[in-house]
N, C-alpha and C. Protein backbone atom coordinates (compact mmCIF):
# COMPACT_ATOMS: atom_id res chain seq x y z
N MET A 1 39.22 47.87 4.84
CA MET A 1 40.22 47.11 5.57
C MET A 1 40.35 45.69 5.01
N PHE A 2 39.22 45.08 4.61
CA PHE A 2 39.26 43.74 4.05
C PHE A 2 40.15 43.69 2.81
N GLY A 3 40.00 44.69 1.92
CA GLY A 3 40.80 44.72 0.70
C GLY A 3 42.28 44.87 0.99
N LEU A 4 42.62 45.64 2.01
CA LEU A 4 44.02 45.81 2.39
C LEU A 4 44.62 44.47 2.82
N MET A 5 43.91 43.74 3.65
CA MET A 5 44.42 42.46 4.13
C MET A 5 44.51 41.42 3.01
N VAL A 6 43.53 41.43 2.11
CA VAL A 6 43.61 40.54 0.96
C VAL A 6 44.83 40.92 0.12
N GLY A 7 45.07 42.21 -0.02
CA GLY A 7 46.23 42.66 -0.77
C GLY A 7 47.54 42.20 -0.15
N VAL A 8 47.67 42.36 1.15
CA VAL A 8 48.89 41.92 1.84
C VAL A 8 49.06 40.41 1.66
N ARG A 9 48.00 39.67 1.90
CA ARG A 9 48.10 38.21 1.80
C ARG A 9 48.34 37.76 0.36
N SER A 10 47.75 38.44 -0.61
CA SER A 10 48.01 38.05 -2.00
C SER A 10 49.45 38.38 -2.38
N GLY A 11 49.98 39.48 -1.86
CA GLY A 11 51.39 39.79 -2.10
C GLY A 11 52.31 38.74 -1.50
N LEU A 12 51.97 38.27 -0.32
CA LEU A 12 52.77 37.22 0.30
C LEU A 12 52.65 35.91 -0.46
N ALA A 13 51.47 35.63 -1.01
CA ALA A 13 51.31 34.45 -1.87
C ALA A 13 52.18 34.59 -3.12
N GLY A 14 52.26 35.80 -3.66
CA GLY A 14 53.14 36.04 -4.79
C GLY A 14 54.60 35.79 -4.44
N VAL A 15 55.00 36.14 -3.22
CA VAL A 15 56.36 35.89 -2.75
C VAL A 15 56.63 34.39 -2.70
N VAL A 16 55.67 33.62 -2.21
CA VAL A 16 55.83 32.16 -2.15
C VAL A 16 55.98 31.59 -3.56
N ALA A 17 55.14 32.04 -4.49
CA ALA A 17 55.24 31.58 -5.88
C ALA A 17 56.60 31.96 -6.47
N LEU A 18 57.04 33.15 -6.17
CA LEU A 18 58.33 33.62 -6.68
C LEU A 18 59.48 32.80 -6.12
N GLU A 19 59.43 32.47 -4.86
CA GLU A 19 60.51 31.68 -4.27
C GLU A 19 60.57 30.29 -4.89
N ALA A 20 59.42 29.71 -5.21
CA ALA A 20 59.41 28.42 -5.90
C ALA A 20 60.02 28.56 -7.30
N PHE A 21 59.68 29.65 -7.99
CA PHE A 21 60.18 29.89 -9.34
C PHE A 21 61.70 30.13 -9.34
N GLU A 22 62.20 30.74 -8.30
CA GLU A 22 63.62 31.11 -8.26
C GLU A 22 64.56 29.92 -8.34
N ALA A 23 64.15 28.76 -7.88
CA ALA A 23 65.02 27.59 -7.99
C ALA A 23 65.31 27.29 -9.46
N LEU A 24 64.29 27.34 -10.28
CA LEU A 24 64.45 27.15 -11.73
C LEU A 24 65.31 28.26 -12.32
N GLU A 25 65.02 29.48 -11.94
CA GLU A 25 65.73 30.65 -12.46
C GLU A 25 67.24 30.56 -12.16
N ARG A 26 67.57 30.24 -10.92
CA ARG A 26 68.98 30.16 -10.53
C ARG A 26 69.70 29.02 -11.24
N ARG A 27 69.00 27.88 -11.42
CA ARG A 27 69.60 26.77 -12.16
C ARG A 27 69.89 27.18 -13.60
N ALA A 28 68.94 27.85 -14.22
CA ALA A 28 69.11 28.24 -15.62
C ALA A 28 70.23 29.27 -15.80
N LEU A 29 70.33 30.19 -14.85
CA LEU A 29 71.36 31.23 -14.95
C LEU A 29 72.72 30.77 -14.42
N GLY A 30 72.73 29.75 -13.58
CA GLY A 30 73.98 29.26 -13.01
C GLY A 30 74.46 30.03 -11.80
N ALA A 31 73.73 31.05 -11.41
CA ALA A 31 74.09 31.89 -10.26
C ALA A 31 72.89 32.76 -9.93
N PRO A 32 72.89 33.36 -8.74
CA PRO A 32 71.79 34.28 -8.45
C PRO A 32 71.82 35.46 -9.43
N PRO A 33 70.67 35.88 -9.91
CA PRO A 33 70.65 37.04 -10.81
C PRO A 33 70.99 38.33 -10.06
N VAL A 34 71.34 39.36 -10.80
CA VAL A 34 71.71 40.63 -10.16
C VAL A 34 70.55 41.24 -9.38
N TYR A 35 69.33 40.85 -9.72
CA TYR A 35 68.15 41.40 -9.05
C TYR A 35 67.65 40.49 -7.92
N ALA A 36 68.41 39.46 -7.56
CA ALA A 36 68.02 38.59 -6.44
C ALA A 36 68.01 39.42 -5.16
N SER A 37 67.08 39.12 -4.29
CA SER A 37 66.91 39.94 -3.09
C SER A 37 68.17 40.00 -2.23
N GLU A 38 68.91 38.90 -2.12
CA GLU A 38 70.12 38.96 -1.30
C GLU A 38 71.22 39.77 -1.97
N GLN A 39 71.21 39.83 -3.31
CA GLN A 39 72.18 40.68 -4.01
C GLN A 39 71.87 42.15 -3.76
N ILE A 40 70.60 42.49 -3.85
CA ILE A 40 70.17 43.87 -3.59
C ILE A 40 70.47 44.25 -2.14
N ALA A 41 70.18 43.34 -1.21
CA ALA A 41 70.46 43.60 0.21
C ALA A 41 71.95 43.84 0.43
N GLY A 42 72.79 43.06 -0.23
CA GLY A 42 74.23 43.24 -0.09
C GLY A 42 74.70 44.60 -0.61
N ARG A 43 74.13 45.03 -1.74
CA ARG A 43 74.50 46.35 -2.28
C ARG A 43 74.07 47.47 -1.33
N PHE A 44 72.86 47.37 -0.81
CA PHE A 44 72.40 48.41 0.12
C PHE A 44 73.23 48.40 1.40
N ALA A 45 73.57 47.23 1.89
CA ALA A 45 74.39 47.15 3.10
C ALA A 45 75.74 47.82 2.87
N ARG A 46 76.37 47.55 1.73
CA ARG A 46 77.66 48.18 1.42
C ARG A 46 77.53 49.69 1.33
N ARG A 47 76.44 50.17 0.73
CA ARG A 47 76.24 51.62 0.62
C ARG A 47 76.09 52.27 1.99
N LEU A 48 75.54 51.52 2.94
CA LEU A 48 75.38 52.03 4.30
C LEU A 48 76.61 51.80 5.18
N GLY A 49 77.63 51.17 4.60
CA GLY A 49 78.85 50.91 5.35
C GLY A 49 78.77 49.69 6.25
N TRP A 50 77.78 48.83 6.04
CA TRP A 50 77.65 47.62 6.87
C TRP A 50 78.41 46.48 6.21
N ARG A 51 78.96 45.63 7.04
CA ARG A 51 79.56 44.39 6.56
C ARG A 51 78.52 43.29 6.73
N ALA A 52 77.98 42.84 5.65
CA ALA A 52 76.94 41.81 5.71
C ALA A 52 77.45 40.54 5.04
N GLY A 53 77.58 39.50 5.84
CA GLY A 53 77.99 38.22 5.30
C GLY A 53 76.83 37.56 4.55
N PRO A 54 77.07 36.39 3.97
CA PRO A 54 76.03 35.71 3.19
C PRO A 54 74.73 35.47 3.97
N ARG A 55 74.86 35.06 5.21
CA ARG A 55 73.65 34.79 6.01
C ARG A 55 72.86 36.07 6.25
N ALA A 56 73.54 37.14 6.59
CA ALA A 56 72.86 38.43 6.82
C ALA A 56 72.23 38.94 5.54
N ARG A 57 72.92 38.78 4.41
CA ARG A 57 72.35 39.20 3.12
C ARG A 57 71.08 38.42 2.80
N ARG A 58 71.10 37.12 3.06
CA ARG A 58 69.90 36.30 2.80
C ARG A 58 68.75 36.76 3.69
N ARG A 59 69.02 36.98 4.96
CA ARG A 59 67.96 37.41 5.88
C ARG A 59 67.42 38.79 5.52
N LEU A 60 68.31 39.72 5.26
CA LEU A 60 67.88 41.06 4.87
C LEU A 60 67.15 41.02 3.53
N GLY A 61 67.64 40.20 2.62
CA GLY A 61 66.97 40.04 1.32
C GLY A 61 65.57 39.49 1.48
N ARG A 62 65.40 38.53 2.36
CA ARG A 62 64.06 37.98 2.60
C ARG A 62 63.14 39.05 3.19
N LEU A 63 63.65 39.84 4.11
CA LEU A 63 62.87 40.93 4.71
C LEU A 63 62.47 41.95 3.64
N LEU A 64 63.40 42.31 2.78
CA LEU A 64 63.08 43.23 1.68
C LEU A 64 62.01 42.64 0.77
N ARG A 65 62.16 41.36 0.43
CA ARG A 65 61.21 40.73 -0.48
C ARG A 65 59.82 40.65 0.12
N VAL A 66 59.71 40.29 1.39
CA VAL A 66 58.40 40.18 2.03
C VAL A 66 57.72 41.55 2.09
N GLY A 67 58.46 42.57 2.47
CA GLY A 67 57.88 43.91 2.52
C GLY A 67 57.47 44.42 1.15
N TYR A 68 58.34 44.24 0.17
CA TYR A 68 58.05 44.68 -1.20
C TYR A 68 56.88 43.88 -1.78
N GLY A 69 56.87 42.59 -1.54
CA GLY A 69 55.79 41.74 -2.05
C GLY A 69 54.45 42.12 -1.45
N ALA A 70 54.42 42.37 -0.14
CA ALA A 70 53.17 42.77 0.51
C ALA A 70 52.69 44.11 -0.05
N ALA A 71 53.62 45.05 -0.24
CA ALA A 71 53.24 46.36 -0.80
C ALA A 71 52.70 46.22 -2.22
N LEU A 72 53.34 45.38 -3.03
CA LEU A 72 52.84 45.15 -4.39
C LEU A 72 51.46 44.48 -4.37
N GLY A 73 51.24 43.59 -3.41
CA GLY A 73 49.94 42.96 -3.29
C GLY A 73 48.85 43.96 -2.96
N VAL A 74 49.14 44.91 -2.09
CA VAL A 74 48.18 45.97 -1.76
C VAL A 74 47.89 46.81 -3.00
N LEU A 75 48.94 47.14 -3.74
CA LEU A 75 48.76 47.91 -4.97
C LEU A 75 47.89 47.13 -5.96
N ARG A 76 48.17 45.83 -6.12
CA ARG A 76 47.38 45.00 -7.03
C ARG A 76 45.92 44.96 -6.60
N ALA A 77 45.68 44.85 -5.30
CA ALA A 77 44.31 44.80 -4.79
C ALA A 77 43.58 46.12 -5.03
N ALA A 78 44.30 47.23 -4.95
CA ALA A 78 43.67 48.53 -5.18
C ALA A 78 43.32 48.72 -6.64
N VAL A 79 44.14 48.19 -7.54
CA VAL A 79 43.94 48.38 -8.97
C VAL A 79 42.95 47.35 -9.53
N ALA A 80 43.04 46.12 -9.08
CA ALA A 80 42.22 45.03 -9.62
C ALA A 80 41.75 44.13 -8.49
N PRO A 81 40.78 44.55 -7.69
CA PRO A 81 40.40 43.78 -6.50
C PRO A 81 39.84 42.40 -6.78
N ARG A 82 39.29 42.16 -7.95
CA ARG A 82 38.69 40.85 -8.22
C ARG A 82 39.71 39.80 -8.66
N GLY A 83 40.93 40.21 -8.99
CA GLY A 83 41.97 39.24 -9.32
C GLY A 83 41.75 38.51 -10.62
N ARG A 84 41.45 39.22 -11.68
CA ARG A 84 41.31 38.58 -12.98
C ARG A 84 42.69 38.12 -13.47
N LEU A 85 42.76 36.89 -13.93
CA LEU A 85 44.04 36.31 -14.32
C LEU A 85 44.67 37.08 -15.48
N ALA A 86 43.86 37.57 -16.42
CA ALA A 86 44.41 38.35 -17.53
C ALA A 86 45.10 39.61 -17.01
N GLY A 87 44.62 40.14 -15.90
CA GLY A 87 45.24 41.30 -15.30
C GLY A 87 46.62 41.01 -14.74
N ALA A 88 46.92 39.74 -14.48
CA ALA A 88 48.25 39.38 -13.98
C ALA A 88 49.32 39.74 -15.00
N LEU A 89 49.01 39.60 -16.28
CA LEU A 89 49.98 39.96 -17.32
C LEU A 89 50.30 41.45 -17.28
N GLY A 90 49.26 42.26 -17.19
CA GLY A 90 49.47 43.70 -17.10
C GLY A 90 50.21 44.09 -15.84
N PHE A 91 49.86 43.45 -14.74
CA PHE A 91 50.52 43.74 -13.47
C PHE A 91 52.00 43.35 -13.55
N ALA A 92 52.28 42.18 -14.12
CA ALA A 92 53.67 41.74 -14.27
C ALA A 92 54.44 42.71 -15.17
N ALA A 93 53.82 43.16 -16.26
CA ALA A 93 54.49 44.10 -17.17
C ALA A 93 54.79 45.41 -16.47
N ALA A 94 53.87 45.87 -15.63
CA ALA A 94 54.10 47.12 -14.90
C ALA A 94 55.25 46.96 -13.91
N ILE A 95 55.29 45.85 -13.20
CA ILE A 95 56.39 45.60 -12.25
C ILE A 95 57.71 45.52 -13.02
N TYR A 96 57.70 44.80 -14.12
CA TYR A 96 58.91 44.61 -14.94
C TYR A 96 59.45 45.95 -15.42
N GLY A 97 58.59 46.77 -15.98
CA GLY A 97 59.03 48.08 -16.46
C GLY A 97 59.57 48.94 -15.33
N PHE A 98 58.85 48.93 -14.21
CA PHE A 98 59.29 49.68 -13.03
C PHE A 98 60.67 49.21 -12.58
N GLU A 99 60.85 47.90 -12.45
CA GLU A 99 62.11 47.37 -11.94
C GLU A 99 63.26 47.58 -12.91
N LEU A 100 63.00 47.49 -14.21
CA LEU A 100 64.07 47.73 -15.19
C LEU A 100 64.61 49.16 -15.09
N ILE A 101 63.76 50.08 -14.72
CA ILE A 101 64.19 51.48 -14.60
C ILE A 101 64.72 51.78 -13.20
N VAL A 102 63.94 51.43 -12.18
CA VAL A 102 64.24 51.86 -10.81
C VAL A 102 65.39 51.07 -10.18
N LEU A 103 65.48 49.78 -10.41
CA LEU A 103 66.54 49.02 -9.75
C LEU A 103 67.93 49.53 -10.13
N PRO A 104 68.25 49.68 -11.43
CA PRO A 104 69.57 50.24 -11.76
C PRO A 104 69.72 51.71 -11.34
N ALA A 105 68.67 52.50 -11.50
CA ALA A 105 68.76 53.93 -11.16
C ALA A 105 69.01 54.15 -9.68
N SER A 106 68.49 53.27 -8.84
CA SER A 106 68.66 53.42 -7.39
C SER A 106 69.95 52.78 -6.88
N GLY A 107 70.65 52.07 -7.74
CA GLY A 107 71.85 51.36 -7.31
C GLY A 107 71.56 50.00 -6.71
N ALA A 108 70.29 49.58 -6.74
CA ALA A 108 69.94 48.26 -6.22
C ALA A 108 70.54 47.15 -7.08
N THR A 109 70.70 47.42 -8.37
CA THR A 109 71.36 46.50 -9.29
C THR A 109 72.41 47.30 -10.07
N PRO A 110 73.34 46.61 -10.71
CA PRO A 110 74.25 47.33 -11.60
C PRO A 110 73.47 47.90 -12.79
N PRO A 111 74.09 48.76 -13.58
CA PRO A 111 73.40 49.30 -14.76
C PRO A 111 72.92 48.17 -15.67
N LEU A 112 71.77 48.36 -16.27
CA LEU A 112 71.15 47.33 -17.11
C LEU A 112 72.09 46.83 -18.21
N ALA A 113 72.90 47.70 -18.78
CA ALA A 113 73.82 47.32 -19.86
C ALA A 113 74.86 46.30 -19.41
N THR A 114 75.06 46.17 -18.10
CA THR A 114 76.08 45.23 -17.59
C THR A 114 75.49 43.90 -17.13
N TRP A 115 74.17 43.75 -17.20
CA TRP A 115 73.55 42.49 -16.77
C TRP A 115 73.99 41.37 -17.70
N ARG A 116 74.14 40.19 -17.14
CA ARG A 116 74.48 39.02 -17.97
C ARG A 116 73.36 38.75 -18.97
N ARG A 117 73.76 38.17 -20.06
CA ARG A 117 72.80 37.83 -21.11
C ARG A 117 71.68 36.96 -20.55
N GLY A 118 70.47 37.29 -20.91
CA GLY A 118 69.31 36.52 -20.48
C GLY A 118 68.65 37.04 -19.21
N GLN A 119 69.36 37.81 -18.40
CA GLN A 119 68.77 38.26 -17.15
C GLN A 119 67.56 39.17 -17.33
N PRO A 120 67.53 40.08 -18.29
CA PRO A 120 66.30 40.86 -18.47
C PRO A 120 65.08 39.98 -18.80
N ALA A 121 65.28 38.95 -19.61
CA ALA A 121 64.17 38.04 -19.94
C ALA A 121 63.74 37.25 -18.71
N TRP A 122 64.72 36.81 -17.91
CA TRP A 122 64.39 36.08 -16.70
C TRP A 122 63.69 36.97 -15.69
N LEU A 123 64.03 38.26 -15.68
CA LEU A 123 63.32 39.19 -14.79
C LEU A 123 61.85 39.28 -15.20
N ALA A 124 61.58 39.25 -16.50
CA ALA A 124 60.18 39.28 -16.96
C ALA A 124 59.43 38.05 -16.44
N ALA A 125 60.05 36.88 -16.54
CA ALA A 125 59.42 35.66 -16.03
C ALA A 125 59.29 35.71 -14.50
N HIS A 126 60.28 36.28 -13.85
CA HIS A 126 60.31 36.45 -12.39
C HIS A 126 59.10 37.29 -11.94
N THR A 127 58.88 38.41 -12.60
CA THR A 127 57.76 39.27 -12.23
C THR A 127 56.43 38.60 -12.56
N LEU A 128 56.39 37.82 -13.63
CA LEU A 128 55.16 37.11 -13.98
C LEU A 128 54.84 36.04 -12.93
N ALA A 129 55.85 35.35 -12.44
CA ALA A 129 55.62 34.34 -11.39
C ALA A 129 55.00 34.99 -10.16
N PHE A 130 55.54 36.13 -9.77
CA PHE A 130 54.97 36.85 -8.62
C PHE A 130 53.53 37.26 -8.91
N ALA A 131 53.30 37.89 -10.05
CA ALA A 131 51.97 38.43 -10.37
C ALA A 131 50.92 37.33 -10.47
N VAL A 132 51.26 36.21 -11.06
CA VAL A 132 50.31 35.10 -11.16
C VAL A 132 50.01 34.52 -9.78
N GLY A 133 51.04 34.34 -8.96
CA GLY A 133 50.82 33.83 -7.60
C GLY A 133 49.91 34.75 -6.80
N ALA A 134 50.18 36.06 -6.87
CA ALA A 134 49.36 37.02 -6.14
C ALA A 134 47.93 37.04 -6.67
N THR A 135 47.77 36.97 -7.97
CA THR A 135 46.45 37.04 -8.58
C THR A 135 45.63 35.78 -8.30
N LEU A 136 46.26 34.62 -8.37
CA LEU A 136 45.53 33.37 -8.08
C LEU A 136 45.03 33.37 -6.64
N PHE A 137 45.85 33.86 -5.71
CA PHE A 137 45.39 33.94 -4.33
C PHE A 137 44.20 34.89 -4.23
N ALA A 138 44.31 36.06 -4.88
CA ALA A 138 43.24 37.05 -4.81
C ALA A 138 41.94 36.51 -5.42
N ARG A 139 42.07 35.66 -6.43
CA ARG A 139 40.86 35.07 -7.04
C ARG A 139 40.13 34.20 -6.03
N ARG A 140 40.88 33.49 -5.23
CA ARG A 140 40.26 32.61 -4.23
C ARG A 140 39.79 33.37 -3.00
N ARG A 141 40.49 34.43 -2.63
CA ARG A 141 40.23 35.14 -1.40
C ARG A 141 39.85 36.60 -1.62
N GLY A 142 39.50 36.93 -2.82
CA GLY A 142 39.30 38.33 -3.19
C GLY A 142 38.15 39.04 -2.50
N VAL A 143 38.04 40.29 -2.83
CA VAL A 143 37.01 41.15 -2.27
C VAL A 143 35.65 40.59 -2.66
N PRO A 144 34.75 40.42 -1.71
CA PRO A 144 33.42 39.87 -2.04
C PRO A 144 32.66 40.82 -2.96
N ARG A 145 31.81 40.24 -3.78
CA ARG A 145 30.96 41.04 -4.67
C ARG A 145 29.96 41.85 -3.85
N ARG A 146 29.71 43.05 -4.33
CA ARG A 146 28.70 43.89 -3.67
C ARG A 146 27.31 43.46 -4.10
N SER A 147 26.37 43.50 -3.19
CA SER A 147 24.99 43.10 -3.51
C SER A 147 24.26 44.22 -4.19
């Protein structure tokens, strides 16, 4: 149970790190990227026939991000409970590969070939920001060593 809670909390720490990183990302791109949580929320709302204005998309996007981040934190804790920083690179690469395939395939984002120039590279940095934030938290609050 301890590892599960550390995982959830480390995932939420990753979300906080990601939200701080997104200000830079949005400035560099000039607009929210296609994989921004509110963009994904808007696409899902349209698929369900809901009319979601900007405020609703932001709120739903935040809910999606918190749930997804917590789930990724639990996964990270199960795979690497001690939170080695070098493992953050591997974790970020796994998230990046997963998202490059699953987000367009599920309709959460447009097809990868239509993404604006630079967005795939920014997604790599985006996933790294999350993974480093989650891993740094886990290093401080990680699973205690067994005696």
